[in-house]
Amino acid sequence: MAAHDVGARIAYASDWPADVRTLTLLDAALPEISPVPAADIPSDEINTRTWHFFFNRIPDLPDILVRGHEREYLTWLFSQKAARPWVFTPAVIDEYTRTYTRPGGTRAAFAYYRESLSRESLDANKARATTMLEMPVMAISGQASVGLSLLNTMKGIARNVQDHVLADYGYFVMEECPDEVASHLLKFISD
């Protein structure tokens, strides 16, 4: 199993460990498991990387403000979170925009944040973290994004963890360095 960011929650691997031979997490923070920044005003860097978690959880407002501006919203996110934003070509942004502009597209994207960051989901994450993952786990992250934070988080909840912090890359490691990510992933799952 391999997953990026909000898809990288450990729920499936924790709830059905017999179904997961290996687990690869790509550039993620795990709510209620990963360390959180201090509760005061965040640095500009932290704010730029995390503001959308709070914005996307607000009922209705994100959909109202982003509707009709999906391309601008996505382009800005990609430019801020990628160390190599040029990998997001106009054709790639067109595809993301196409999916966001479909009926209910933005509403579904924002609802995912409301649900996955709800108190019930956060409590479930915290409970899952009390049982160590036994399958081999690989953490891949961009140095310009979560860096060693993902490895440090996984060391606390998994017995067998290897990591790859990819220098010169940001949050979108799959898009920014697909060959390097694929090489690590294929080696890991074939061992």
Protein backbone atom coordinates (compact mmCIF):
# COMPACT_ATOMS: atom_id res chain seq x y z
CA MET A 1 0.00 0.00 0.00
CA ALA A 2 1.31 3.47 -0.88
CA ALA A 3 -0.35 6.80 -0.20
CA HIS A 4 0.39 10.53 -0.24
CA ASP A 5 -0.56 13.22 2.30
CA VAL A 6 -4.17 12.92 3.49
CA GLY A 7 -4.33 9.54 1.77
CA ALA A 8 -1.43 8.44 3.96
CA ARG A 9 -3.44 8.03 7.12
CA ILE A 10 -2.55 4.75 8.78
CA ALA A 11 -6.17 3.70 9.23
CA TYR A 12 -6.31 0.84 6.73
CA ALA A 13 -2.90 -0.57 7.69
CA SER A 14 -3.78 -0.32 11.37
CA ASP A 15 -7.31 -1.72 11.10
CA TRP A 16 -6.52 -4.53 8.62
CA PRO A 17 -2.80 -5.28 9.03
CA ALA A 18 -3.10 -8.77 7.53
CA ASP A 19 -4.11 -7.16 4.23
CA VAL A 20 -1.08 -4.86 4.04
CA ARG A 21 2.29 -6.45 3.20
CA THR A 22 4.17 -3.13 3.08
CA LEU A 23 3.17 0.46 3.76
CA THR A 24 4.71 3.46 2.01
CA LEU A 25 3.77 6.95 3.13
CA LEU A 26 4.72 9.91 0.97
CA ASP A 27 5.14 13.38 2.41
CA ALA A 28 2.49 13.43 5.10
CA ALA A 29 1.69 14.60 8.57
CA LEU A 30 -0.56 12.31 10.58
CA PRO A 31 -3.14 14.24 12.63
CA GLU A 32 -3.00 13.46 16.36
CA ILE A 33 0.19 11.44 15.77
CA SER A 34 2.72 13.80 14.16
CA PRO A 35 4.09 16.62 16.30
CA VAL A 36 2.24 19.88 15.75
CA PRO A 37 3.71 23.36 15.54
CA ALA A 38 3.36 25.62 18.56
CA ALA A 39 -0.12 27.05 19.09
CA ASP A 40 1.00 30.66 18.66
CA ILE A 41 1.15 32.53 15.35
CA PRO A 42 2.96 30.19 12.93
CA SER A 43 6.00 31.24 10.93
CA ASP A 44 5.37 32.35 7.36
CA GLU A 45 6.75 29.03 6.12
CA ILE A 46 4.46 26.92 8.34
CA ASN A 47 1.49 29.16 7.57
CA THR A 48 2.02 28.85 3.81
CA ARG A 49 2.25 25.05 4.08
CA THR A 50 -0.68 24.47 6.45
CA TRP A 51 -3.28 27.27 6.22
CA HIS A 52 -5.49 25.25 3.89
CA PHE A 53 -6.13 22.58 6.53
CA PHE A 54 -8.03 25.15 8.57
CA PHE A 55 -9.63 26.95 5.61
CA ASN A 56 -10.82 23.73 3.94
CA ARG A 57 -12.59 22.60 7.14
CA ILE A 58 -14.87 25.66 7.29
CA PRO A 59 -18.40 24.70 6.18
CA ASP A 60 -19.45 26.21 2.82
CA LEU A 61 -17.08 29.21 2.66
CA PRO A 62 -14.20 27.50 0.80
CA ASP A 63 -16.59 26.27 -1.89
CA ILE A 64 -18.12 29.74 -2.23
CA LEU A 65 -14.74 31.47 -2.53
CA VAL A 66 -12.97 28.93 -4.75
CA ARG A 67 -15.85 28.20 -7.16
CA GLY A 68 -15.01 29.90 -10.45
CA HIS A 69 -11.38 30.30 -9.35
CA GLU A 70 -10.36 26.65 -9.17
CA ARG A 71 -7.42 27.06 -11.57
CA GLU A 72 -6.02 30.03 -9.64
CA TYR A 73 -6.48 28.25 -6.32
CA LEU A 74 -4.74 25.07 -7.50
CA THR A 75 -1.96 26.94 -9.32
CA TRP A 76 -1.19 28.92 -6.17
CA LEU A 77 -1.14 25.76 -4.00
CA PHE A 78 1.19 23.96 -6.41
CA SER A 79 3.52 26.95 -6.67
CA GLN A 80 3.80 27.25 -2.88
CA LYS A 81 4.14 23.61 -1.88
CA ALA A 82 6.40 22.31 -4.65
CA ALA A 83 10.14 22.91 -4.71
CA ARG A 84 9.91 22.45 -8.48
CA PRO A 85 6.58 24.04 -9.44
CA TRP A 86 7.40 23.88 -13.15
CA VAL A 87 6.47 20.18 -13.14
CA PHE A 88 2.86 21.37 -12.95
CA THR A 89 2.54 22.13 -16.64
CA PRO A 90 -0.56 23.83 -18.05
CA ALA A 91 -1.82 20.37 -19.12
CA VAL A 92 -1.45 19.00 -15.57
CA ILE A 93 -3.19 22.02 -14.09
CA ASP A 94 -5.93 21.66 -16.73
CA GLU A 95 -6.62 18.12 -15.48
CA TYR A 96 -6.72 19.12 -11.82
CA THR A 97 -8.99 22.03 -12.75
CA ARG A 98 -11.26 19.72 -14.76
CA THR A 99 -11.83 17.50 -11.74
CA TYR A 100 -12.34 20.39 -9.32
CA THR A 101 -14.86 22.10 -11.62
CA ARG A 102 -17.05 19.03 -12.04
CA PRO A 103 -20.35 19.24 -10.14
CA GLY A 104 -19.55 18.84 -6.46
CA GLY A 105 -15.79 18.71 -7.09
CA THR A 106 -14.65 21.40 -4.68
CA ARG A 107 -17.36 20.55 -2.16
CA ALA A 108 -16.11 16.95 -2.01
CA ALA A 109 -12.47 18.04 -1.72
CA PHE A 110 -13.24 20.38 1.17
CA ALA A 111 -15.59 17.89 2.87
CA TYR A 112 -12.72 15.42 3.03
CA TYR A 113 -10.80 17.83 5.28
CA ARG A 114 -13.84 18.36 7.51
CA GLU A 115 -14.29 14.63 7.96
CA SER A 116 -10.66 13.56 8.25
CA LEU A 117 -9.94 16.34 10.76
CA SER A 118 -13.15 15.89 12.76
CA ARG A 119 -12.81 15.11 16.46
CA GLU A 120 -14.04 11.55 15.82
CA SER A 121 -11.40 10.93 13.13
CA LEU A 122 -8.64 12.53 15.21
CA ASP A 123 -9.53 10.40 18.22
CA ALA A 124 -9.49 7.28 16.02
CA ASN A 125 -6.01 8.22 14.71
CA LYS A 126 -4.73 8.68 18.24
CA ALA A 127 -6.15 5.28 19.27
CA ARG A 128 -4.61 3.56 16.23
CA ALA A 129 -1.19 4.94 17.15
CA THR A 130 -1.22 2.92 20.38
CA THR A 131 -0.67 -0.32 18.44
CA MET A 132 2.63 -0.66 16.60
CA LEU A 133 2.50 -1.42 12.89
CA GLU A 134 4.33 -4.69 12.23
CA MET A 135 4.61 -4.56 8.43
CA PRO A 136 7.66 -2.90 6.83
CA VAL A 137 7.07 0.84 6.45
CA MET A 138 8.83 3.26 4.13
CA ALA A 139 8.57 7.02 4.59
CA ILE A 140 9.42 9.21 1.58
CA SER A 141 9.40 12.97 1.93
CA GLY A 142 10.78 16.08 0.32
CA GLN A 143 13.45 17.96 2.24
CA ALA A 144 11.64 21.21 1.38
CA SER A 145 8.43 19.82 2.89
CA VAL A 146 8.03 17.55 5.94
CA GLY A 147 11.63 16.29 5.77
CA LEU A 148 12.51 14.04 8.73
CA SER A 149 9.21 14.69 10.51
CA LEU A 150 7.48 11.77 8.75
CA LEU A 151 10.31 9.37 9.66
CA ASN A 152 10.28 10.51 13.28
CA THR A 153 6.51 10.06 13.45
CA MET A 154 6.63 6.57 11.95
CA LYS A 155 9.42 5.44 14.30
CA GLY A 156 6.94 5.94 17.12
CA ILE A 157 4.22 3.76 15.60
CA ALA A 158 6.01 1.16 13.42
CA ARG A 159 8.72 -1.37 14.25
CA ASN A 160 10.44 -1.58 10.85
CA VAL A 161 10.84 1.83 9.19
CA GLN A 162 13.13 3.01 6.45
CA ASP A 163 13.15 6.50 5.04
CA HIS A 164 14.19 8.55 2.07
CA VAL A 165 14.30 12.32 2.49
CA LEU A 166 14.67 13.60 -1.05
CA ALA A 167 16.87 16.69 -1.24
CA ASP A 168 15.78 19.58 -3.47
CA TYR A 169 12.16 18.41 -3.58
CA GLY A 170 8.98 19.60 -1.91
CA TYR A 171 5.57 18.30 -0.99
CA PHE A 172 4.68 16.78 -4.39
CA VAL A 173 7.51 14.22 -4.50
CA MET A 174 5.63 11.96 -6.94
CA GLU A 175 5.35 14.78 -9.48
CA GLU A 176 8.69 16.45 -8.72
CA CYS A 177 10.89 13.34 -8.89
CA PRO A 178 8.75 10.42 -10.15
CA ASP A 179 11.67 8.23 -11.24
CA GLU A 180 13.38 8.48 -7.85
CA VAL A 181 10.14 7.76 -5.98
CA ALA A 182 9.33 4.83 -8.28
CA SER A 183 12.82 3.38 -7.82
CA HIS A 184 12.57 3.49 -4.01
CA LEU A 185 9.04 2.10 -4.08
CA LEU A 186 9.80 -0.78 -6.46
CA LYS A 187 12.88 -1.80 -4.48
CA PHE A 188 10.95 -1.65 -1.20
CA ILE A 189 7.98 -3.74 -2.33
CA SER A 190 10.17 -6.33 -4.07
CA ASP A 191 12.40 -7.00 -1.02
